[in-house]
Structure formats: C-alpha cells, structure tokens
Amino acid sequence: MARASDPIDRFGRFLAQSEHSPLTVKNYRGDLEAFAAWFEQVNGEAMSPSKVTPTDLRQFKRPGNRGHSAFARPPYTVISQSRAD
C-alpha cells in the first residue's frame, strides 16, 4: 500500500487540521487503507482517488469484499477523501 499512502496521508493531515479527533483520523485512515488494499487486489493497480469509480464503491460495500466483516459502515471516507484532493 505504500503507493497509495500519499493520498491517505494527505487526507489524514486534512482531517487533523480540520480539528477532527485523533481517533476519527485513525479510523478514517484505517478505512482508507483497507479500501486501498482491496482496490489494488481487485484492480491490479494502486488506488488513487481519480481511479475510484462508483462501481468500486458498490463492490467494496458488499459483505465479504472488505477483508474483514467488522467494516459495516459505508465507505464515506473514500468519498470524502476524493473531495479533499
């Protein structure tokens, strides 16, 4: 995931500067890292906000496609992250 870390790091800094709690920043980063890993596995290329499609988001939301079953909320962080760029 090192290739996807730049947008994730930028978004983490954006959240921190927007006065979000450290736990929120940590959770959003974790969500983005899980999505980036899934995206790379499915698409065979590193995730970048410009490459994410609505179809990717729908597929990622499907149960069993996220790498861990505890991820029950929608990937809002992915949508927010793409708007921060």
C-alpha atoms as a PDB file:
ATOM      1  CA  MET A   1       0.000   0.000   0.000  1.00  0.00           C
ATOM      2  CA  ALA A   2       2.956   2.346   0.021  1.00  0.00           C
ATOM      3  CA  ARG A   3       1.906   3.693  -3.362  1.00  0.00           C
ATOM      4  CA  ALA A   4      -1.494   4.710  -2.026  1.00  0.00           C
ATOM      5  CA  SER A   5      -0.114   6.277   1.155  1.00  0.00           C
ATOM      6  CA  ASP A   6       0.320   9.787  -0.258  1.00  0.00           C
ATOM      7  CA  PRO A   7      -3.409  10.491  -0.721  1.00  0.00           C
ATOM      8  CA  ILE A   8      -4.174   8.739   2.560  1.00  0.00           C
ATOM      9  CA  ASP A   9      -1.521  10.755   4.383  1.00  0.00           C
ATOM     10  CA  ARG A  10      -2.801  13.983   2.823  1.00  0.00           C
ATOM     11  CA  PHE A  11      -6.337  13.180   3.870  1.00  0.00           C
ATOM     12  CA  GLY A  12      -5.163  12.342   7.405  1.00  0.00           C
ATOM     13  CA  ARG A  13      -3.437  15.728   7.630  1.00  0.00           C
ATOM     14  CA  PHE A  14      -6.549  17.433   6.246  1.00  0.00           C
ATOM     15  CA  LEU A  15      -8.689  15.796   8.933  1.00  0.00           C
ATOM     16  CA  ALA A  16      -6.241  16.693  11.695  1.00  0.00           C
ATOM     17  CA  GLN A  17      -6.114  20.307  10.512  1.00  0.00           C
ATOM     18  CA  SER A  18      -9.923  20.341  10.431  1.00  0.00           C
ATOM     19  CA  GLU A  19      -9.859  19.599  14.165  1.00  0.00           C
ATOM     20  CA  HIS A  20     -11.161  16.034  13.948  1.00  0.00           C
ATOM     21  CA  SER A  21     -10.292  13.872  16.923  1.00  0.00           C
ATOM     22  CA  PRO A  22      -7.195  11.666  16.706  1.00  0.00           C
ATOM     23  CA  LEU A  23      -9.451   8.599  16.925  1.00  0.00           C
ATOM     24  CA  THR A  24     -11.508   9.804  13.948  1.00  0.00           C
ATOM     25  CA  VAL A  25      -8.338  10.368  11.935  1.00  0.00           C
ATOM     26  CA  LYS A  26      -7.059   6.910  12.889  1.00  0.00           C
ATOM     27  CA  ASN A  27     -10.352   5.236  11.962  1.00  0.00           C
ATOM     28  CA  TYR A  28     -10.665   7.042   8.628  1.00  0.00           C
ATOM     29  CA  ARG A  29      -7.066   6.174   7.759  1.00  0.00           C
ATOM     30  CA  GLY A  30      -7.723   2.545   8.604  1.00  0.00           C
ATOM     31  CA  ASP A  31     -10.816   2.537   6.394  1.00  0.00           C
ATOM     32  CA  LEU A  32      -8.887   4.091   3.516  1.00  0.00           C
ATOM     33  CA  GLU A  33      -6.006   1.655   3.914  1.00  0.00           C
ATOM     34  CA  ALA A  34      -8.466  -1.272   3.836  1.00  0.00           C
ATOM     35  CA  PHE A  35     -10.095   0.157   0.712  1.00  0.00           C
ATOM     36  CA  ALA A  36      -6.706   0.779  -0.929  1.00  0.00           C
ATOM     37  CA  ALA A  37      -5.640  -2.824  -0.282  1.00  0.00           C
ATOM     38  CA  TRP A  38      -8.937  -4.140  -1.659  1.00  0.00           C
ATOM     39  CA  PHE A  39      -8.740  -1.821  -4.686  1.00  0.00           C
ATOM     40  CA  GLU A  40      -5.203  -2.952  -5.519  1.00  0.00           C
ATOM     41  CA  GLN A  41      -6.121  -6.620  -5.166  1.00  0.00           C
ATOM     42  CA  VAL A  42      -9.226  -6.302  -7.369  1.00  0.00           C
ATOM     43  CA  ASN A  43      -7.908  -3.875  -9.984  1.00  0.00           C
ATOM     44  CA  GLY A  44      -4.231  -4.825 -10.092  1.00  0.00           C
ATOM     45  CA  GLU A  45      -3.072  -1.239  -9.602  1.00  0.00           C
ATOM     46  CA  ALA A  46      -2.544   1.128  -6.717  1.00  0.00           C
ATOM     47  CA  MET A  47      -5.563   3.094  -5.556  1.00  0.00           C
ATOM     48  CA  SER A  48      -5.721   6.793  -6.295  1.00  0.00           C
ATOM     49  CA  PRO A  49      -8.791   8.987  -5.847  1.00  0.00           C
ATOM     50  CA  SER A  50      -9.035   9.674  -9.582  1.00  0.00           C
ATOM     51  CA  LYS A  51      -9.253   5.937 -10.347  1.00  0.00           C
ATOM     52  CA  VAL A  52     -12.066   5.134  -7.900  1.00  0.00           C
ATOM     53  CA  THR A  53     -15.427   4.577  -9.592  1.00  0.00           C
ATOM     54  CA  PRO A  54     -18.946   4.257  -8.185  1.00  0.00           C
ATOM     55  CA  THR A  55     -18.764   0.571  -9.142  1.00  0.00           C
ATOM     56  CA  ASP A  56     -15.651   0.156  -6.967  1.00  0.00           C
ATOM     57  CA  LEU A  57     -17.504   1.688  -4.022  1.00  0.00           C
ATOM     58  CA  ARG A  58     -20.554  -0.552  -4.526  1.00  0.00           C
ATOM     59  CA  GLN A  59     -18.386  -3.668  -4.767  1.00  0.00           C
ATOM     60  CA  PHE A  60     -16.366  -2.692  -1.710  1.00  0.00           C
ATOM     61  CA  LYS A  61     -19.553  -2.205   0.318  1.00  0.00           C
ATOM     62  CA  ARG A  62     -20.762  -5.727  -0.419  1.00  0.00           C
ATOM     63  CA  PRO A  63     -20.437  -8.103   2.521  1.00  0.00           C
ATOM     64  CA  GLY A  64     -17.353 -10.264   2.223  1.00  0.00           C
ATOM     65  CA  ASN A  65     -15.483  -7.893  -0.099  1.00  0.00           C
ATOM     66  CA  ARG A  66     -13.811  -5.754   2.541  1.00  0.00           C
ATOM     67  CA  GLY A  67     -11.247  -8.038   4.071  1.00  0.00           C
ATOM     68  CA  HIS A  68     -12.899  -8.003   7.488  1.00  0.00           C
ATOM     69  CA  SER A  69     -16.537  -8.356   8.474  1.00  0.00           C
ATOM     70  CA  ALA A  70     -16.422  -5.622  11.127  1.00  0.00           C
ATOM     71  CA  PHE A  71     -16.409  -2.960   8.410  1.00  0.00           C
ATOM     72  CA  ALA A  72     -20.180  -2.450   8.377  1.00  0.00           C
ATOM     73  CA  ARG A  73     -20.475   1.245   7.559  1.00  0.00           C
ATOM     74  CA  PRO A  74     -20.399   2.708   4.053  1.00  0.00           C
ATOM     75  CA  PRO A  75     -17.033   3.831   2.703  1.00  0.00           C
ATOM     76  CA  TYR A  76     -17.853   7.501   3.347  1.00  0.00           C
ATOM     77  CA  THR A  77     -14.182   8.188   3.978  1.00  0.00           C
ATOM     78  CA  VAL A  78     -13.358   7.245   0.397  1.00  0.00           C
ATOM     79  CA  ILE A  79     -15.915   9.730  -0.902  1.00  0.00           C
ATOM     80  CA  SER A  80     -14.696  12.450   1.482  1.00  0.00           C
ATOM     81  CA  GLN A  81     -11.062  11.737   0.630  1.00  0.00           C
ATOM     82  CA  SER A  82     -11.653  12.213  -3.079  1.00  0.00           C
ATOM     83  CA  ARG A  83     -13.238  15.607  -2.389  1.00  0.00           C
ATOM     84  CA  ALA A  84     -10.220  16.692  -0.301  1.00  0.00           C
ATOM     85  CA  ASP A  85      -7.827  16.374  -3.260  1.00  0.00           C
END
